[in-house]
Amino acid sequence: MEISPAVADVRPTPWTGRFDGDGDEHRRWWQAVAPHTPSVAAGSGATGAGSRPAVVVGFRSDEGVRRNKGRIGAAAAPEAIRQALGPLAFHLDRDVFDAGDVVVEDGSLEAGQERAGRVISELLDAGKLTVLLGGGHETAFASYLGVAGSEAVASGKRLGVLNLDAHFDLRDEPVPSSGTPFLQMAHAEAAAGRELNYAVVGISEPNNTRTLFNTADRLGVKYLLDEDCSAEAVREFVARFLDTVDVLYLTIDLDVLPASVAPGVSAPAAYGVPLPIISAVCKQLAASGKLLHLDVAELNPEFDVDSRTAKVAARLVNTLLA
């Protein structure tokens, strides 16, 4: 029996943006992005990291933030990021598709994460570079399910998870939330007979309890505090981590950035890592050839200022796909 391809809950809608002309020299994101279809997924994607077609998927969820007692509103983020990407000039040397959104409703977070994971796994196995637009940071476990379920990981390639974040998100809670995804990953990797290779750039010491630091130490998590994030220190930290992996899953929690740069998040940062350093990390990862999947999480449009945070998220996605 033929198995139907996994598809998002809501099909993509047309992107919009400024129109300067139809020629390639005028092209913007909204003109370049095409709707994704299962027939596209069935094609054999290019294997080179610089030429793989990219597929954007939205994860409309703030259930994890609600459970974590944060400021809800992140379910509106995928559309806000698309709106910020649409007008940007398109200089990418790859095709980009939009596969629509997975929607978490009625508190059914776990089911939504599983659906998103199936979509991501199929896209990865078809040779695509996948981009999941969250959503709260519960988005990360949806991403993990997709990456861990892909042929790349099943074939034995060494997976690394790099988190740009002010928080470890290693909470040990009875119910999964936006604060638990990386402990969930550690448990899932242990069940599969592997150890989670997890690193974090931007940890805020005052915003993580001693219990969280102890959990990170017990799991062998590598991390760099926000106050130690000089350009050279971050570059070397990321380079050492890349040496330990074959394929990389990158997750960006926008609260890694200073509140002045990213005000529209659940937990704005009092300190944060400067945007040029975060952008340099993205360039370093894109150039590594190891990027398998990425996501952006915690944008909350309700608390954004002049779409500032959405525009930063769009710029980082553009950098990672360039």
Protein backbone atom coordinates (compact mmCIF):
# COMPACT_ATOMS: atom_id res chain seq x y z
CA MET A 1 0.00 0.00 0.00
CA GLU A 2 1.38 3.40 -0.99
CA ILE A 3 1.75 5.81 1.94
CA SER A 4 0.50 9.35 1.33
CA PRO A 5 3.10 12.07 1.81
CA ALA A 6 2.93 14.11 4.98
CA VAL A 7 1.55 17.59 4.38
CA ALA A 8 1.04 20.63 6.59
CA ASP A 9 -2.38 21.40 8.05
CA VAL A 10 -2.76 24.67 6.14
CA ARG A 11 -1.58 25.08 2.57
CA PRO A 12 0.61 28.08 1.70
CA THR A 13 -0.90 31.36 0.59
CA PRO A 14 0.71 33.81 -1.87
CA TRP A 15 3.50 35.96 -0.49
CA THR A 16 3.43 39.72 -0.96
CA GLY A 17 5.96 42.54 -1.20
CA ARG A 18 7.15 45.52 -3.18
CA PHE A 19 7.07 45.17 -6.98
CA ASP A 20 9.93 46.66 -8.99
CA GLY A 21 9.70 44.47 -12.09
CA ASP A 22 9.56 40.90 -13.35
CA GLY A 23 13.24 40.46 -14.25
CA ASP A 24 15.73 38.54 -12.15
CA GLU A 25 17.49 41.81 -11.35
CA HIS A 26 14.32 43.03 -9.62
CA ARG A 27 13.39 39.80 -7.86
CA ARG A 28 12.37 39.79 -4.22
CA TRP A 29 11.53 36.92 -1.90
CA TRP A 30 7.80 37.14 -2.53
CA GLN A 31 8.41 36.66 -6.25
CA ALA A 32 10.90 33.81 -5.76
CA VAL A 33 9.07 31.59 -3.25
CA ALA A 34 6.81 28.97 -4.85
CA PRO A 35 4.18 26.75 -3.21
CA HIS A 36 5.53 23.35 -2.27
CA THR A 37 3.73 20.26 -3.49
CA PRO A 38 4.26 16.54 -2.74
CA SER A 39 5.61 16.13 -6.28
CA VAL A 40 8.36 18.60 -5.42
CA ALA A 41 9.16 16.58 -2.29
CA ALA A 42 9.42 13.41 -4.34
CA GLY A 43 12.19 14.86 -6.47
CA SER A 44 15.81 14.06 -5.73
CA GLY A 45 17.28 17.21 -4.20
CA ALA A 46 20.84 18.24 -4.76
CA THR A 47 23.25 17.02 -2.12
CA GLY A 48 25.44 20.11 -1.89
CA ALA A 49 24.51 22.37 1.03
CA GLY A 50 24.80 25.43 -1.18
CA SER A 51 22.43 24.16 -3.86
CA ARG A 52 19.75 22.23 -1.99
CA PRO A 53 16.29 23.68 -2.45
CA ALA A 54 14.95 25.11 0.80
CA VAL A 55 11.44 24.52 2.09
CA VAL A 56 9.79 26.78 4.65
CA VAL A 57 7.22 25.29 7.06
CA GLY A 58 5.34 27.24 9.70
CA PHE A 59 4.61 25.92 13.19
CA ARG A 60 1.72 27.93 14.60
CA SER A 61 2.06 27.21 18.29
CA ASP A 62 2.19 29.07 21.57
CA GLU A 63 0.91 26.17 23.65
CA GLY A 64 4.41 25.46 24.94
CA VAL A 65 4.83 29.10 25.99
CA ARG A 66 1.45 29.00 27.73
CA ARG A 67 2.47 25.88 29.65
CA ASN A 68 5.76 27.58 30.55
CA LYS A 69 3.85 30.61 31.87
CA GLY A 70 5.23 32.96 29.23
CA ARG A 71 3.64 35.68 27.10
CA ILE A 72 1.52 33.92 24.50
CA GLY A 73 1.23 35.11 20.91
CA ALA A 74 3.96 33.17 19.10
CA ALA A 75 1.40 31.28 17.02
CA ALA A 76 1.19 34.38 14.81
CA ALA A 77 4.94 34.39 14.19
CA PRO A 78 5.20 32.29 10.98
CA GLU A 79 3.05 34.75 9.06
CA ALA A 80 4.91 37.73 10.53
CA ILE A 81 8.27 36.30 9.44
CA ARG A 82 6.96 35.61 5.95
CA GLN A 83 5.71 39.19 5.74
CA ALA A 84 9.16 40.43 6.75
CA LEU A 85 10.92 38.12 4.27
CA GLY A 86 8.64 38.94 1.34
CA PRO A 87 9.99 42.40 0.46
CA LEU A 88 13.69 41.44 0.82
CA ALA A 89 15.77 41.34 -2.36
CA PHE A 90 16.37 37.72 -3.41
CA HIS A 91 20.04 36.97 -3.98
CA LEU A 92 19.96 33.24 -3.13
CA ASP A 93 21.46 30.60 -5.39
CA ARG A 94 18.78 28.06 -4.55
CA ASP A 95 15.07 27.51 -5.04
CA VAL A 96 12.80 28.23 -2.07
CA PHE A 97 9.37 26.70 -1.49
CA ASP A 98 6.64 27.22 1.10
CA ALA A 99 4.91 24.09 2.41
CA GLY A 100 2.33 25.87 4.60
CA ASP A 101 1.75 25.60 8.33
CA VAL A 102 1.23 22.96 10.99
CA VAL A 103 -1.30 24.35 13.47
CA VAL A 104 -1.47 23.47 17.17
CA GLU A 105 -5.04 23.84 18.40
CA ASP A 106 -6.95 22.97 21.57
CA GLY A 107 -3.74 22.38 23.51
CA SER A 108 -2.70 19.42 21.33
CA LEU A 109 1.00 20.30 21.31
CA GLU A 110 2.42 16.79 21.19
CA ALA A 111 0.26 15.81 18.20
CA GLY A 112 1.26 18.98 16.38
CA GLN A 113 4.94 18.33 17.03
CA GLU A 114 4.59 14.83 15.63
CA ARG A 115 2.84 16.12 12.48
CA ALA A 116 5.51 18.75 11.92
CA GLY A 117 8.21 16.15 12.49
CA ARG A 118 6.79 13.87 9.80
CA VAL A 119 6.67 16.74 7.30
CA ILE A 120 10.28 17.69 8.05
CA SER A 121 11.55 14.10 7.83
CA GLU A 122 10.02 13.61 4.39
CA LEU A 123 11.42 16.88 3.11
CA LEU A 124 14.88 16.08 4.45
CA ASP A 125 14.79 12.64 2.89
CA ALA A 126 13.90 14.30 -0.43
CA GLY A 127 17.12 16.32 -0.24
CA LYS A 128 15.69 19.64 0.94
CA LEU A 129 17.08 22.12 3.46
CA THR A 130 14.18 22.64 5.87
CA VAL A 131 13.30 25.84 7.71
CA LEU A 132 10.70 25.67 10.48
CA LEU A 133 9.23 29.02 11.53
CA GLY A 134 7.92 28.88 15.09
CA GLY A 135 6.11 29.26 17.33
CA GLY A 136 7.42 29.13 20.85
CA HIS A 137 10.57 27.15 21.54
CA GLU A 138 8.48 24.01 21.76
CA THR A 139 9.16 24.29 18.01
CA ALA A 140 12.56 22.75 18.78
CA PHE A 141 11.16 19.34 19.71
CA ALA A 142 9.09 19.28 16.51
CA SER A 143 12.32 19.99 14.63
CA TYR A 144 14.14 17.27 16.53
CA LEU A 145 11.47 14.69 15.69
CA GLY A 146 11.90 15.55 12.03
CA VAL A 147 15.69 15.46 12.09
CA ALA A 148 15.93 12.30 14.22
CA GLY A 149 13.43 10.58 11.93
CA SER A 150 15.40 11.41 8.79
CA GLU A 151 17.59 9.05 6.80
CA ALA A 152 20.63 11.20 7.57
CA VAL A 153 20.47 10.35 11.27
CA ALA A 154 19.27 6.79 10.70
CA SER A 155 22.32 6.18 8.52
CA GLY A 156 24.59 6.92 11.47
CA LYS A 157 25.72 10.47 10.76
CA ARG A 158 26.74 12.36 13.91
CA LEU A 159 24.02 14.88 14.76
CA GLY A 160 24.74 18.12 16.58
CA VAL A 161 22.15 20.51 18.01
CA LEU A 162 23.25 24.13 18.28
CA ASN A 163 20.97 26.52 20.14
CA LEU A 164 21.37 30.30 20.04
CA ASP A 165 19.49 31.13 23.21
CA ALA A 166 19.58 32.85 26.59
CA HIS A 167 18.11 29.69 28.17
CA PHE A 168 19.07 26.00 28.34
CA ASP A 169 15.41 24.88 28.03
CA LEU A 170 16.29 21.74 29.99
CA ARG A 171 13.45 21.92 32.49
CA ASP A 172 12.34 18.64 34.00
CA GLU A 173 8.55 19.03 34.03
CA PRO A 174 5.70 16.50 33.95
CA VAL A 175 4.20 18.21 30.88
CA PRO A 176 6.30 19.28 27.86
CA SER A 177 6.55 23.02 27.23
CA SER A 178 8.75 25.63 25.60
CA GLY A 179 11.14 25.12 28.52
CA THR A 180 11.64 21.35 28.13
CA PRO A 181 12.57 20.50 24.51
CA PHE A 182 16.27 19.80 24.95
CA LEU A 183 15.77 17.50 27.95
CA GLN A 184 13.16 15.72 25.83
CA MET A 185 15.78 15.38 23.11
CA ALA A 186 18.31 13.99 25.59
CA HIS A 187 15.82 11.36 26.73
CA ALA A 188 14.91 10.45 23.14
CA GLU A 189 18.56 10.16 22.11
CA ALA A 190 19.27 7.93 25.14
CA ALA A 191 16.33 5.72 24.17
CA ALA A 192 17.88 5.40 20.69
CA GLY A 193 21.25 4.43 22.17
CA ARG A 194 22.87 7.78 21.44
CA GLU A 195 23.97 10.81 23.47
CA LEU A 196 22.61 14.26 22.70
CA ASN A 197 25.39 16.47 21.34
CA TYR A 198 24.02 19.85 22.43
CA ALA A 199 25.66 23.27 22.54
CA VAL A 200 24.27 26.70 23.44
CA VAL A 201 25.54 30.19 22.61
CA GLY A 202 24.26 33.07 24.75
CA ILE A 203 23.28 31.55 28.09
CA SER A 204 22.18 34.18 30.61
CA GLU A 205 23.44 33.09 34.02
CA PRO A 206 20.81 35.10 35.97
CA ASN A 207 18.01 33.54 33.93
CA ASN A 208 18.96 29.89 34.46
CA THR A 209 18.78 28.28 37.88
CA ARG A 210 21.55 26.20 39.43
CA THR A 211 19.40 23.13 38.75
CA LEU A 212 19.51 23.92 35.03
CA PHE A 213 23.28 24.38 35.09
CA ASN A 214 23.61 21.07 36.95
CA THR A 215 21.43 19.35 34.36
CA ALA A 216 23.52 20.85 31.56
CA ASP A 217 26.72 19.65 33.22
CA ARG A 218 25.31 16.15 33.77
CA LEU A 219 24.35 15.89 30.09
CA GLY A 220 27.68 17.24 28.87
CA VAL A 221 26.13 20.34 27.33
CA LYS A 222 28.64 22.80 25.91
CA TYR A 223 27.71 26.44 26.46
CA LEU A 224 28.98 29.99 26.25
CA LEU A 225 27.61 32.68 28.57
CA ASP A 226 26.22 35.84 26.99
CA GLU A 227 28.85 37.98 28.75
CA ASP A 228 31.60 35.86 27.20
CA CYS A 229 30.30 36.10 23.64
CA SER A 230 33.01 38.10 21.93
CA ALA A 231 33.23 37.62 18.18
CA GLU A 232 36.39 35.50 18.44
CA ALA A 233 35.17 33.41 21.38
CA VAL A 234 31.92 32.56 19.58
CA ARG A 235 33.66 31.76 16.30
CA GLU A 236 36.05 29.35 18.04
CA PHE A 237 33.28 27.78 20.14
CA VAL A 238 31.16 27.10 17.06
CA ALA A 239 34.15 25.80 15.08
CA ARG A 240 35.01 23.30 17.82
CA PHE A 241 31.42 22.13 17.93
CA LEU A 242 31.21 21.73 14.16
CA ASP A 243 34.26 19.47 14.31
CA THR A 244 32.24 16.99 16.37
CA VAL A 245 29.28 16.64 13.98
CA ASP A 246 28.43 15.44 10.49
CA VAL A 247 25.04 17.15 10.26
CA LEU A 248 23.74 20.12 12.21
CA TYR A 249 20.35 21.21 13.47
CA LEU A 250 20.38 24.93 14.31
CA THR A 251 17.69 26.51 16.46
CA ILE A 252 17.51 30.25 17.05
CA ASP A 253 15.53 31.52 20.03
CA LEU A 254 15.25 35.22 19.28
CA ASP A 255 15.53 36.07 22.97
CA VAL A 256 19.28 35.46 22.57
CA LEU A 257 19.40 39.00 21.19
CA PRO A 258 19.26 42.19 23.28
CA ALA A 259 15.73 43.47 23.98
CA SER A 260 16.51 46.62 22.01
CA VAL A 261 17.05 44.45 18.92
CA ALA A 262 14.40 41.80 19.61
CA PRO A 263 11.64 43.25 21.82
CA GLY A 264 8.95 40.97 20.41
CA VAL A 265 9.69 37.78 22.32
CA SER A 266 8.21 35.99 25.31
CA ALA A 267 11.21 36.79 27.54
CA PRO A 268 13.15 39.89 26.35
CA ALA A 269 16.87 39.82 27.21
CA ALA A 270 18.36 42.44 29.51
CA TYR A 271 21.84 41.70 28.13
CA GLY A 272 21.82 39.46 25.07
CA VAL A 273 24.33 38.69 22.33
CA PRO A 274 24.86 41.44 19.73
CA LEU A 275 23.21 40.91 16.37
CA PRO A 276 26.48 41.10 14.35
CA ILE A 277 27.82 38.14 16.36
CA ILE A 278 24.66 36.08 15.84
CA SER A 279 24.74 36.95 12.14
CA ALA A 280 28.39 35.86 11.94
CA VAL A 281 27.45 32.49 13.48
CA CYS A 282 24.80 32.06 10.80
CA LYS A 283 27.35 32.78 8.06
CA GLN A 284 29.81 30.36 9.65
CA LEU A 285 27.21 27.59 9.77
CA ALA A 286 25.98 28.21 6.23
CA ALA A 287 29.56 27.95 4.98
CA SER A 288 30.22 24.71 6.88
CA GLY A 289 28.18 22.53 4.53
CA LYS A 290 26.79 20.67 7.55
CA LEU A 291 23.49 22.50 8.05
CA LEU A 292 20.67 19.97 7.78
CA HIS A 293 17.73 21.84 9.32
CA LEU A 294 17.07 25.14 11.06
CA ASP A 295 14.30 26.83 12.95
CA VAL A 296 13.53 30.26 14.39
CA ALA A 297 11.44 30.49 17.56
CA GLU A 298 9.87 32.79 20.14
CA LEU A 299 8.87 35.72 17.95
CA ASN A 300 5.75 37.25 19.50
CA PRO A 301 4.30 39.81 17.06
CA GLU A 302 1.91 41.15 19.70
CA PHE A 303 4.86 42.61 21.62
CA ASP A 304 7.02 43.57 18.64
CA VAL A 305 7.96 47.19 17.91
CA ASP A 306 7.73 48.31 14.26
CA SER A 307 8.12 44.63 13.28
CA ARG A 308 11.71 44.94 14.51
CA THR A 309 12.02 41.35 15.76
CA ALA A 310 10.29 39.88 12.71
CA LYS A 311 12.70 41.76 10.44
CA VAL A 312 15.67 40.43 12.41
CA ALA A 313 14.30 36.88 12.10
CA ALA A 314 13.86 37.36 8.35
CA ARG A 315 17.39 38.71 7.96
CA LEU A 316 18.86 35.71 9.80
CA VAL A 317 16.90 33.24 7.67
CA ASN A 318 18.09 35.05 4.55
CA THR A 319 21.69 34.85 5.79
CA LEU A 320 21.46 31.14 6.55
CA LEU A 321 20.10 30.33 3.09
CA ALA A 322 22.49 32.58 1.17
